[in-house]
Amino acid sequence: MMVWLLSIGAVTILLFIASKVDRSLRLVSEAALGAAIAGAPFALVSFSYPLLAIAALILHLWLIVLPARLIMGRLERQFLLRSTWQNALIGAGVCFVLAATQMWQPQAIVHYGLIFWFVGCIVAGIYFLGQLWWNTRRYKIPALLTHPKLKDLPTISVCIAARNEDHALADCLSRVLASDYPKLEVLVLDDCSQDSTSSIIASFAHDGVRFIQGDQPATGWLGKNQARQTLAQQASGDYLFFMDVDTYVAPESISQVVAYALNQGLQMVGILPQNRLGLQPATLFGTLTYFWRLAVPIRKDRVPVSTSCWLIRASSLQQLGGFASVSRKMVPEGSFAARLAVHDQYRFVVSDAILGVTTAKHWHSQVESAVRVSYPAQHRQPLQVLAVCAVEFGLCLAPPVVIIVRLIQQRTDVILWLALVASALFLFNYYLVLLRVQPKSWLLAGLCWSVVIVQEIVLHISSMLQYEFSDVNWKGRNVCYPVLAPRSPRELPHPSFGRQ
């Protein structure tokens, strides 16, 4: 135990020194990495109780990441030094708490800790249930809204950025062109594709689809954000309807969304598409991005958004600074929505059979999106990633794991019953979301709940490691540099949006 604590202390002190030095940064970082690696084996042998030993080892492995990220130096220097030292200090504090637990009565502490934790899981499950029950009814467009007279209708520009999308583009455009909305223009940008995307766009020219040739991303820009900025500049509509190629609309979808925005006086509407496909990896093992967005309470700085389909008034987008103000953000829609939501000018809706917005996004595309978004969403903090993984494991995986262990041990106690209630609550919450977002495959998809949670934890860790030590590619482009590079003056917070 003492050797392990000394290694933790040495790593913390060396990382503090690293945050204060300049020329010897790499040398001190390498010394901290050596101390962290040397102390790892002692994390297991220092604890008599298996759960504490596993927790200590996981935490120690996370601490190894801290000096390693200093050596790599992928992030902006001042942020990297401050972030690493703060993470080390928090991590060391948790390690000393684990050590104190071992020195007292670990079995009793773990026993009562499990009871306390599962009670908390039940409280959280009930809270999420109420949140989901409210949101799944709130985020719904009234059926068959009537829109204003033809002369009063705004013009709509459908904006689609396509990169290597020859597998789905023709179907997407055919559905858009079948829309019953009378004042519609369709713009498609070919974002330097290497397949037949440009030819497919050109084949729809006789139907009025405007072809826009994209450029390689400029310094400090994510490719998709630059593509959408170009589309916004070329569009002439009063509203801009951004959608991904793997998002499909029914003939009345655009009319319904526009009518909803006009009736409610909204500047922006985010639409979560339904997945109406049958049983396949995309429906059985889909990521939990939208589950947490629907379950976690809304705040002024955190509102649910959809990256695949959303409507915004062109003048509002310009007033918010356009995509130039969010050129490196993985989810630029979130920034726009948060600022508009303060003035009740943004709403989020979940599509249904009447609205008719659906998605055909494959499982591997969902995984790639999760890896791109996860680490930036955790503010590029390794211990925040650990905290998120711990919470997801504790809320969603720990109860079924304890149930299995208790049944194997043939022990029927209060911990087993609490774990059963907690597991049932979170499974019911998951089914509540599945019924809305994928009505054709909800039953079997719910049975994969535990597997999806494991996948989610793996994706969080993979996102952190790839951003810190490797590349994060999106359709052949490495997005690490635009995300990790220092902020430019144009990306400073834009003045808040206000009513006109």
Protein backbone atom coordinates (compact mmCIF):
# COMPACT_ATOMS: atom_id res chain seq x y z
CA MET A 1 0.00 0.00 0.00
CA MET A 2 2.73 2.46 0.98
CA VAL A 3 4.63 1.87 -2.27
CA TRP A 4 1.48 2.48 -4.29
CA LEU A 5 0.71 5.70 -2.42
CA LEU A 6 4.30 6.87 -2.87
CA SER A 7 4.06 6.31 -6.62
CA ILE A 8 0.81 8.28 -6.72
CA GLY A 9 2.40 11.09 -4.73
CA ALA A 10 5.46 11.11 -6.98
CA VAL A 11 3.31 11.31 -10.13
CA THR A 12 1.27 14.18 -8.66
CA ILE A 13 4.33 16.17 -7.57
CA LEU A 14 6.12 15.65 -10.90
CA LEU A 15 3.04 16.75 -12.85
CA PHE A 16 2.80 19.85 -10.66
CA ILE A 17 6.46 20.58 -11.43
CA ALA A 18 5.76 19.98 -15.13
CA SER A 19 3.02 22.62 -15.02
CA LYS A 20 5.58 25.17 -13.78
CA VAL A 21 8.65 24.41 -15.92
CA ASP A 22 9.36 25.13 -19.55
CA ARG A 23 12.58 23.69 -20.93
CA SER A 24 12.53 20.49 -18.87
CA LEU A 25 8.86 19.69 -19.52
CA ARG A 26 9.50 16.49 -21.47
CA LEU A 27 12.07 15.21 -18.97
CA VAL A 28 9.77 15.76 -15.99
CA SER A 29 6.83 14.25 -17.89
CA GLU A 30 8.85 11.14 -18.72
CA ALA A 31 9.82 10.81 -15.06
CA ALA A 32 6.16 11.07 -14.05
CA LEU A 33 5.22 8.44 -16.65
CA GLY A 34 7.93 6.11 -15.32
CA ALA A 35 6.68 6.54 -11.74
CA ALA A 36 3.08 5.87 -12.83
CA ILE A 37 3.99 2.70 -14.75
CA ALA A 38 6.18 1.43 -11.88
CA GLY A 39 3.36 1.87 -9.38
CA ALA A 40 0.65 0.14 -11.45
CA PRO A 41 1.29 -3.44 -10.20
CA PHE A 42 1.02 -2.28 -6.58
CA ALA A 43 -2.53 -1.03 -7.24
CA LEU A 44 -3.75 -4.64 -7.31
CA VAL A 45 -1.67 -6.15 -4.49
CA SER A 46 -2.40 -3.31 -2.07
CA PHE A 47 -6.07 -4.19 -1.63
CA SER A 48 -7.59 -7.29 -0.08
CA TYR A 49 -11.09 -6.61 -1.38
CA PRO A 50 -11.42 -7.29 -5.16
CA LEU A 51 -13.72 -4.34 -5.94
CA LEU A 52 -11.29 -1.88 -4.35
CA ALA A 53 -8.35 -3.45 -6.18
CA ILE A 54 -10.09 -3.19 -9.55
CA ALA A 55 -11.11 0.43 -8.87
CA ALA A 56 -7.54 1.32 -7.86
CA LEU A 57 -6.06 -0.30 -10.98
CA ILE A 58 -8.49 1.48 -13.31
CA LEU A 59 -7.79 4.81 -11.66
CA HIS A 60 -4.05 4.21 -11.83
CA LEU A 61 -4.23 3.37 -15.54
CA TRP A 62 -6.03 6.68 -16.07
CA LEU A 63 -3.25 8.48 -14.23
CA ILE A 64 -0.75 6.95 -16.66
CA VAL A 65 -2.57 8.80 -19.44
CA LEU A 66 -1.80 12.19 -17.83
CA PRO A 67 2.02 12.31 -18.23
CA ALA A 68 1.67 10.52 -21.57
CA ARG A 69 -0.55 13.31 -22.91
CA LEU A 70 2.05 15.86 -21.77
CA ILE A 71 4.71 14.01 -23.73
CA MET A 72 2.51 13.91 -26.83
CA GLY A 73 1.56 17.59 -26.47
CA ARG A 74 -1.46 17.41 -28.77
CA LEU A 75 -3.51 20.11 -27.03
CA GLU A 76 -2.92 23.83 -26.58
CA ARG A 77 -0.01 24.19 -24.13
CA GLN A 78 -1.55 26.23 -21.30
CA PHE A 79 -4.77 24.23 -21.32
CA LEU A 80 -2.80 20.98 -21.39
CA LEU A 81 -0.60 21.90 -18.40
CA ARG A 82 -3.48 23.21 -16.30
CA SER A 83 -5.79 20.33 -17.21
CA THR A 84 -3.17 17.64 -16.50
CA TRP A 85 -2.29 19.04 -13.08
CA GLN A 86 -5.94 19.40 -12.06
CA ASN A 87 -6.72 15.86 -13.22
CA ALA A 88 -3.72 14.50 -11.32
CA LEU A 89 -4.74 16.26 -8.12
CA ILE A 90 -8.30 14.90 -8.28
CA GLY A 91 -7.07 11.42 -9.19
CA ALA A 92 -4.58 11.37 -6.31
CA GLY A 93 -7.31 12.43 -3.90
CA VAL A 94 -9.55 9.55 -4.99
CA CYS A 95 -6.61 7.12 -4.65
CA PHE A 96 -6.04 8.21 -1.05
CA VAL A 97 -9.76 7.75 -0.33
CA LEU A 98 -9.50 4.17 -1.63
CA ALA A 99 -6.46 3.61 0.56
CA ALA A 100 -8.31 4.90 3.60
CA THR A 101 -11.20 2.54 2.81
CA GLN A 102 -8.79 -0.41 2.74
CA MET A 103 -7.30 0.57 6.11
CA TRP A 104 -10.71 0.62 7.83
CA GLN A 105 -13.30 -2.10 7.16
CA PRO A 106 -13.45 -2.61 3.39
CA GLN A 107 -16.10 -5.34 3.36
CA ALA A 108 -18.51 -3.37 5.53
CA ILE A 109 -17.85 -0.15 3.61
CA VAL A 110 -18.43 -1.87 0.26
CA HIS A 111 -21.58 -3.60 1.58
CA TYR A 112 -23.21 -0.41 2.82
CA GLY A 113 -21.78 1.49 -0.14
CA LEU A 114 -23.63 -0.86 -2.53
CA ILE A 115 -26.87 -0.35 -0.61
CA PHE A 116 -26.43 3.42 -0.71
CA TRP A 117 -25.48 3.34 -4.40
CA PHE A 118 -28.43 1.20 -5.50
CA VAL A 119 -30.84 3.40 -3.57
CA GLY A 120 -29.32 6.29 -5.51
CA CYS A 121 -29.76 4.31 -8.74
CA ILE A 122 -33.44 3.84 -7.98
CA VAL A 123 -33.88 7.55 -7.25
CA ALA A 124 -32.05 8.42 -10.49
CA GLY A 125 -34.12 5.89 -12.43
CA ILE A 126 -37.38 7.37 -11.14
CA TYR A 127 -36.14 10.87 -11.96
CA PHE A 128 -35.11 9.86 -15.49
CA LEU A 129 -38.46 8.12 -15.93
CA GLY A 130 -40.31 11.32 -15.11
CA GLN A 131 -38.02 13.32 -17.40
CA LEU A 132 -38.46 10.88 -20.29
CA TRP A 133 -42.21 10.64 -19.78
CA TRP A 134 -42.46 14.42 -19.96
CA ASN A 135 -40.04 14.86 -22.86
CA THR A 136 -41.45 12.14 -25.12
CA ARG A 137 -44.78 13.99 -25.00
CA ARG A 138 -43.38 17.48 -25.07
CA TYR A 139 -41.11 16.88 -28.08
CA LYS A 140 -43.92 16.17 -30.50
CA ILE A 141 -45.41 18.21 -33.33
CA PRO A 142 -49.23 18.32 -33.28
CA ALA A 143 -50.69 16.18 -36.04
CA LEU A 144 -51.38 17.75 -39.42
CA LEU A 145 -50.62 21.37 -38.69
CA THR A 146 -52.06 23.85 -41.15
CA HIS A 147 -49.64 26.37 -42.60
CA PRO A 148 -50.39 29.93 -43.73
CA LYS A 149 -51.67 30.85 -47.16
CA LEU A 150 -49.34 30.32 -50.09
CA LYS A 151 -48.49 34.00 -50.45
CA ASP A 152 -47.38 34.16 -46.80
CA LEU A 153 -45.22 31.04 -46.85
CA PRO A 154 -41.47 31.56 -46.35
CA THR A 155 -39.04 30.14 -48.88
CA ILE A 156 -37.06 27.09 -47.69
CA SER A 157 -33.54 26.10 -48.75
CA VAL A 158 -32.77 22.41 -48.18
CA CYS A 159 -29.01 22.26 -47.58
CA ILE A 160 -27.19 18.92 -47.89
CA ALA A 161 -23.43 18.48 -47.51
CA ALA A 162 -22.32 15.21 -49.14
CA ARG A 163 -18.93 13.52 -48.91
CA ASN A 164 -18.58 10.01 -50.33
CA GLU A 165 -22.34 9.42 -50.12
CA ASP A 166 -23.11 7.54 -53.33
CA HIS A 167 -24.80 4.76 -51.30
CA ALA A 168 -27.70 6.95 -50.11
CA LEU A 169 -27.68 10.28 -51.94
CA ALA A 170 -30.04 9.42 -54.80
CA ASP A 171 -32.72 8.10 -52.43
CA CYS A 172 -32.35 11.13 -50.16
CA LEU A 173 -32.74 13.63 -53.03
CA SER A 174 -35.69 11.75 -54.54
CA ARG A 175 -37.56 12.03 -51.25
CA VAL A 176 -36.73 15.71 -50.85
CA LEU A 177 -37.96 16.48 -54.36
CA ALA A 178 -41.24 14.67 -53.59
CA SER A 179 -41.98 17.22 -50.85
CA ASP A 180 -45.33 18.97 -51.01
CA TYR A 181 -43.85 22.28 -49.84
CA PRO A 182 -44.38 24.79 -52.69
CA LYS A 183 -41.48 27.23 -52.08
CA LEU A 184 -38.45 24.98 -51.99
CA GLU A 185 -34.91 25.09 -53.31
CA VAL A 186 -32.45 22.22 -52.93
CA LEU A 187 -28.69 22.76 -52.63
CA VAL A 188 -26.17 19.92 -52.46
CA LEU A 189 -22.47 20.51 -51.82
CA ASP A 190 -19.96 17.91 -52.94
CA ASP A 191 -17.35 18.01 -50.18
CA CYS A 192 -14.40 16.76 -52.25
CA SER A 193 -15.78 13.23 -52.62
CA GLN A 194 -13.69 10.40 -54.03
CA ASP A 195 -16.66 8.36 -55.28
CA SER A 196 -19.53 9.09 -57.70
CA THR A 197 -21.26 11.63 -55.42
CA SER A 198 -20.74 14.51 -57.83
CA SER A 199 -22.23 12.53 -60.73
CA ILE A 200 -25.31 11.71 -58.69
CA ILE A 201 -25.80 15.37 -57.80
CA ALA A 202 -25.42 16.37 -61.45
CA SER A 203 -28.04 13.79 -62.50
CA PHE A 204 -30.64 15.71 -60.46
CA ALA A 205 -29.88 19.06 -62.12
CA HIS A 206 -32.93 18.76 -64.38
CA ASP A 207 -35.08 18.59 -61.23
CA GLY A 208 -33.73 21.91 -60.01
CA VAL A 209 -31.07 20.65 -57.58
CA ARG A 210 -28.18 23.15 -57.36
CA PHE A 211 -24.70 21.62 -57.42
CA ILE A 212 -22.04 23.36 -55.29
CA GLN A 213 -18.42 22.26 -55.41
CA GLY A 214 -16.79 22.31 -52.00
CA ASP A 215 -13.16 23.02 -51.10
CA GLN A 216 -10.66 21.42 -48.77
CA PRO A 217 -11.19 22.68 -45.19
CA ALA A 218 -9.37 25.91 -44.38
CA THR A 219 -7.12 26.13 -41.34
CA GLY A 220 -9.16 25.94 -38.15
CA TRP A 221 -12.28 24.57 -39.84
CA LEU A 222 -13.95 21.20 -39.60
CA GLY A 223 -14.89 20.06 -43.09
CA LYS A 224 -18.61 19.64 -42.42
CA ASN A 225 -18.88 23.05 -40.75
CA GLN A 226 -17.16 24.73 -43.68
CA ALA A 227 -19.46 22.89 -46.11
CA ARG A 228 -22.54 24.09 -44.25
CA GLN A 229 -21.18 27.63 -44.11
CA THR A 230 -20.83 27.56 -47.90
CA LEU A 231 -24.37 26.22 -48.27
CA ALA A 232 -25.73 28.94 -45.98
CA GLN A 233 -23.98 31.62 -48.04
CA GLN A 234 -25.34 30.22 -51.31
CA ALA A 235 -28.90 29.66 -50.08
CA SER A 236 -31.61 32.21 -50.78
CA GLY A 237 -34.40 30.85 -48.54
CA ASP A 238 -35.91 32.54 -45.51
CA TYR A 239 -35.30 29.29 -43.60
CA LEU A 240 -32.48 26.81 -44.02
CA PHE A 241 -33.28 23.11 -43.64
CA PHE A 242 -30.01 21.25 -42.96
CA MET A 243 -30.08 17.48 -43.28
CA ASP A 244 -27.64 14.59 -43.63
CA VAL A 245 -27.69 12.30 -46.62
CA ASP A 246 -28.81 9.32 -44.53
CA THR A 247 -31.87 11.26 -43.32
CA TYR A 248 -35.08 10.82 -45.29
CA VAL A 249 -38.18 13.03 -45.35
CA ALA A 250 -41.78 12.20 -46.26
CA PRO A 251 -43.71 14.46 -48.67
CA GLU A 252 -45.33 16.40 -45.80
CA SER A 253 -42.31 16.53 -43.46
CA ILE A 254 -40.94 19.92 -44.43
CA SER A 255 -44.40 21.50 -44.53
CA GLN A 256 -45.14 20.24 -41.02
CA VAL A 257 -41.85 21.47 -39.56
CA VAL A 258 -42.23 24.91 -41.16
CA ALA A 259 -45.84 25.20 -40.00
CA TYR A 260 -44.75 24.26 -36.47
CA ALA A 261 -42.01 26.89 -36.48
CA LEU A 262 -44.37 29.59 -37.73
CA ASN A 263 -47.21 28.69 -35.36
CA GLN A 264 -44.88 28.68 -32.34
CA GLY A 265 -42.83 31.73 -33.39
CA LEU A 266 -39.58 29.74 -33.45
CA GLN A 267 -36.25 30.59 -35.04
CA MET A 268 -34.91 27.01 -34.93
CA VAL A 269 -36.30 23.47 -34.73
CA GLY A 270 -34.23 20.32 -34.21
CA ILE A 271 -35.79 17.06 -35.46
CA LEU A 272 -34.74 13.64 -34.15
CA PRO A 273 -35.45 11.15 -36.97
CA GLN A 274 -37.04 7.78 -36.32
CA ASN A 275 -35.20 4.62 -37.28
CA ARG A 276 -37.87 2.49 -38.92
CA LEU A 277 -35.50 -0.20 -40.18
CA GLY A 278 -35.82 -3.80 -39.10
CA LEU A 279 -33.40 -5.84 -37.02
CA GLN A 280 -29.82 -4.92 -37.84
CA PRO A 281 -26.75 -3.67 -35.92
CA ALA A 282 -27.84 -0.04 -36.29
CA THR A 283 -31.08 -0.74 -34.40
CA LEU A 284 -29.87 -3.39 -31.95
CA PHE A 285 -26.63 -1.68 -30.93
CA GLY A 286 -27.26 1.99 -31.67
CA THR A 287 -25.38 4.50 -29.52
CA LEU A 288 -27.05 6.22 -26.57
CA THR A 289 -26.51 9.81 -27.66
CA TYR A 290 -30.19 10.66 -27.83
CA PHE A 291 -31.16 8.54 -24.82
CA TRP A 292 -29.09 10.77 -22.54
CA ARG A 293 -30.23 13.93 -24.30
CA LEU A 294 -33.82 13.00 -23.57
CA ALA A 295 -33.17 11.74 -20.03
CA VAL A 296 -30.85 14.45 -18.69
CA PRO A 297 -32.63 17.64 -17.54
CA ILE A 298 -32.58 20.65 -19.84
CA ARG A 299 -30.55 23.69 -18.83
CA LYS A 300 -29.95 27.00 -20.55
CA ASP A 301 -26.53 25.81 -21.72
CA ARG A 302 -27.61 22.25 -22.55
CA VAL A 303 -30.62 21.56 -24.72
CA PRO A 304 -31.27 18.46 -26.85
CA VAL A 305 -30.29 18.92 -30.49
CA SER A 306 -30.27 16.83 -33.63
CA THR A 307 -27.18 16.86 -35.84
CA SER A 308 -28.89 15.07 -38.72
CA CYS A 309 -31.93 17.31 -39.38
CA TRP A 310 -32.72 20.85 -38.24
CA LEU A 311 -34.38 24.06 -39.43
CA ILE A 312 -33.18 27.59 -38.71
CA ARG A 313 -34.16 31.05 -39.94
CA ALA A 314 -31.41 32.39 -42.19
CA SER A 315 -31.37 35.82 -40.56
CA SER A 316 -31.03 34.24 -37.12
CA LEU A 317 -28.11 32.10 -38.23
CA GLN A 318 -26.38 35.20 -39.53
CA GLN A 319 -27.06 37.11 -36.32
CA LEU A 320 -25.59 34.23 -34.30
CA GLY A 321 -22.33 34.53 -36.24
CA GLY A 322 -22.93 31.70 -38.69
CA PHE A 323 -20.71 28.66 -38.78
CA ALA A 324 -17.62 30.87 -38.58
CA SER A 325 -18.38 31.31 -34.86
CA VAL A 326 -18.39 27.52 -34.36
CA SER A 327 -15.93 26.44 -37.05
CA ARG A 328 -14.25 23.82 -34.82
CA LYS A 329 -17.24 22.62 -32.81
CA MET A 330 -18.26 19.01 -33.36
CA VAL A 331 -21.91 19.89 -32.69
CA PRO A 332 -22.37 23.48 -33.92
CA GLU A 333 -26.13 23.06 -33.78
CA GLY A 334 -25.86 22.83 -30.00
CA SER A 335 -24.35 26.31 -29.76
CA PHE A 336 -27.09 27.85 -31.90
CA ALA A 337 -29.86 26.01 -30.07
CA ALA A 338 -28.58 26.94 -26.60
CA ARG A 339 -28.49 30.65 -27.41
CA LEU A 340 -31.93 30.61 -29.01
CA ALA A 341 -33.47 28.49 -26.25
CA VAL A 342 -32.73 31.25 -23.72
CA HIS A 343 -35.38 33.33 -25.52
CA ASP A 344 -37.73 30.34 -26.10
CA GLN A 345 -37.03 30.45 -29.83
CA TYR A 346 -35.80 26.87 -30.18
CA ARG A 347 -37.66 23.58 -29.87
CA PHE A 348 -36.63 19.95 -30.20
CA VAL A 349 -39.05 17.38 -31.59
CA VAL A 350 -38.96 13.62 -32.02
CA SER A 351 -40.32 12.46 -35.37
CA ASP A 352 -43.21 10.03 -35.61
CA ALA A 353 -45.17 8.27 -38.34
CA ILE A 354 -47.06 11.47 -39.17
CA LEU A 355 -44.03 13.78 -39.37
CA GLY A 356 -42.18 11.10 -41.34
CA VAL A 357 -38.51 12.06 -40.82
CA THR A 358 -36.48 8.84 -40.71
CA THR A 359 -32.83 7.81 -40.68
CA ALA A 360 -30.90 4.99 -42.33
CA LYS A 361 -27.62 5.63 -40.51
CA HIS A 362 -25.55 2.47 -40.30
CA TRP A 363 -24.06 1.17 -37.07
CA HIS A 364 -20.48 1.92 -38.09
CA SER A 365 -21.46 5.52 -38.89
CA GLN A 366 -23.04 5.86 -35.45
CA VAL A 367 -19.84 4.54 -33.85
CA GLU A 368 -17.68 6.96 -35.83
CA SER A 369 -19.91 9.87 -34.83
CA ALA A 370 -19.74 8.88 -31.16
CA VAL A 371 -15.93 8.73 -31.24
CA ARG A 372 -15.75 12.15 -32.89
CA VAL A 373 -18.10 13.80 -30.40
CA SER A 374 -17.41 12.10 -27.07
CA TYR A 375 -14.03 13.50 -25.96
CA PRO A 376 -14.74 17.11 -27.01
CA ALA A 377 -18.05 16.83 -25.15
CA GLN A 378 -16.08 15.86 -22.00
CA HIS A 379 -14.02 19.06 -22.38
CA ARG A 380 -10.90 17.00 -23.22
CA GLN A 381 -10.48 15.98 -19.56
CA PRO A 382 -9.35 12.35 -19.00
CA LEU A 383 -10.77 12.11 -15.48
CA GLN A 384 -14.10 13.50 -16.68
CA VAL A 385 -14.19 10.64 -19.17
CA LEU A 386 -13.47 8.27 -16.27
CA ALA A 387 -16.26 9.86 -14.23
CA VAL A 388 -18.77 9.49 -17.10
CA CYS A 389 -17.77 5.85 -17.62
CA ALA A 390 -18.04 5.19 -13.87
CA VAL A 391 -21.52 6.73 -13.68
CA GLU A 392 -22.77 4.80 -16.72
CA PHE A 393 -21.34 1.58 -15.33
CA GLY A 394 -22.68 2.25 -11.84
CA LEU A 395 -26.19 3.18 -12.97
CA CYS A 396 -26.72 0.74 -15.81
CA LEU A 397 -24.26 -2.17 -15.54
CA ALA A 398 -23.53 -2.58 -11.82
CA PRO A 399 -27.11 -3.65 -10.93
CA PRO A 400 -27.30 -6.57 -13.44
CA VAL A 401 -23.71 -7.61 -12.59
CA VAL A 402 -24.57 -7.74 -8.88
CA ILE A 403 -27.77 -9.65 -9.65
CA ILE A 404 -25.79 -12.33 -11.50
CA VAL A 405 -23.17 -12.57 -8.74
CA ARG A 406 -25.84 -12.79 -6.01
CA LEU A 407 -27.74 -15.52 -7.89
CA ILE A 408 -24.56 -17.51 -8.42
CA GLN A 409 -23.79 -17.18 -4.71
CA GLN A 410 -27.45 -18.04 -3.90
CA ARG A 411 -27.70 -14.98 -1.68
CA THR A 412 -31.06 -13.26 -1.32
CA ASP A 413 -30.56 -10.00 0.53
CA VAL A 414 -31.46 -6.34 0.35
CA ILE A 415 -28.69 -5.66 -2.18
CA LEU A 416 -30.19 -8.18 -4.62
CA TRP A 417 -33.69 -6.66 -4.38
CA LEU A 418 -32.37 -3.11 -4.76
CA ALA A 419 -30.33 -4.17 -7.80
CA LEU A 420 -33.40 -5.81 -9.35
CA VAL A 421 -35.48 -2.66 -8.94
CA ALA A 422 -32.67 -0.44 -10.32
CA SER A 423 -32.16 -2.72 -13.34
CA ALA A 424 -35.87 -2.82 -14.10
CA LEU A 425 -36.17 0.98 -13.90
CA PHE A 426 -33.34 1.71 -16.33
CA LEU A 427 -34.46 -1.02 -18.73
CA PHE A 428 -37.96 0.47 -18.72
CA ASN A 429 -36.48 3.93 -19.38
CA TYR A 430 -34.57 2.53 -22.35
CA TYR A 431 -37.71 0.89 -23.74
CA LEU A 432 -39.57 4.18 -23.35
CA VAL A 433 -37.10 5.87 -25.69
CA LEU A 434 -36.94 2.94 -28.12
CA LEU A 435 -40.71 3.00 -28.56
CA ARG A 436 -40.41 6.54 -29.92
CA VAL A 437 -37.18 6.44 -31.92
CA GLN A 438 -37.30 2.93 -33.44
CA PRO A 439 -40.83 1.54 -33.22
CA LYS A 440 -40.18 -1.49 -35.44
CA SER A 441 -37.32 -3.02 -33.46
CA TRP A 442 -37.81 -1.80 -29.90
CA LEU A 443 -38.50 -5.15 -28.26
CA LEU A 444 -35.31 -7.01 -29.25
CA ALA A 445 -33.21 -3.84 -29.12
CA GLY A 446 -34.08 -3.42 -25.45
CA LEU A 447 -32.63 -6.85 -24.70
CA CYS A 448 -29.23 -5.54 -25.83
CA TRP A 449 -29.25 -2.80 -23.16
CA SER A 450 -26.23 -4.09 -21.24
CA VAL A 451 -24.23 -4.66 -24.42
CA VAL A 452 -25.00 -1.10 -25.55
CA ILE A 453 -23.77 0.29 -22.22
CA VAL A 454 -20.49 -1.64 -22.57
CA GLN A 455 -20.20 -0.28 -26.11
CA GLU A 456 -20.82 3.25 -24.85
CA ILE A 457 -18.03 3.00 -22.26
CA VAL A 458 -15.62 1.60 -24.86
CA LEU A 459 -16.46 4.47 -27.22
CA HIS A 460 -15.74 7.08 -24.52
CA ILE A 461 -12.33 5.56 -23.83
CA SER A 462 -11.57 5.07 -27.51
CA SER A 463 -12.45 8.71 -28.25
CA MET A 464 -10.08 9.94 -25.52
CA LEU A 465 -7.18 7.74 -26.63
CA GLN A 466 -7.59 8.56 -30.31
CA TYR A 467 -7.73 12.31 -29.73
CA GLU A 468 -4.76 12.27 -27.35
CA PHE A 469 -2.48 9.76 -29.08
CA SER A 470 -3.71 8.97 -32.58
CA ASP A 471 -6.07 10.27 -35.27
CA VAL A 472 -9.84 10.68 -35.42
CA ASN A 473 -10.92 10.29 -39.01
CA TRP A 474 -14.20 11.25 -40.62
CA LYS A 475 -14.50 9.97 -44.18
CA GLY A 476 -10.76 10.17 -44.73
CA ARG A 477 -10.15 13.45 -42.88
CA ASN A 478 -8.34 13.74 -39.57
CA VAL A 479 -10.43 16.06 -37.39
CA CYS A 480 -8.02 16.12 -34.43
CA TYR A 481 -6.20 19.32 -35.30
CA PRO A 482 -9.25 21.58 -35.74
CA VAL A 483 -10.70 20.29 -32.46
CA LEU A 484 -7.52 20.37 -30.36
CA ALA A 485 -5.89 23.52 -31.77
CA PRO A 486 -6.02 26.84 -29.85
CA ARG A 487 -9.10 28.95 -30.38
CA SER A 488 -8.89 31.77 -32.86
CA PRO A 489 -10.32 35.25 -32.14
CA ARG A 490 -13.33 34.63 -34.38
CA GLU A 491 -14.36 31.71 -32.16
CA LEU A 492 -14.70 33.77 -29.00
CA PRO A 493 -18.24 33.72 -27.58
CA HIS A 494 -20.60 35.59 -29.88
CA PRO A 495 -23.04 38.13 -28.45
CA SER A 496 -26.22 36.51 -27.18
CA PHE A 497 -29.14 36.29 -29.58
CA GLY A 498 -32.04 38.52 -28.73
CA ARG A 499 -35.52 39.15 -30.00
CA GLN A 500 -35.78 41.48 -32.92
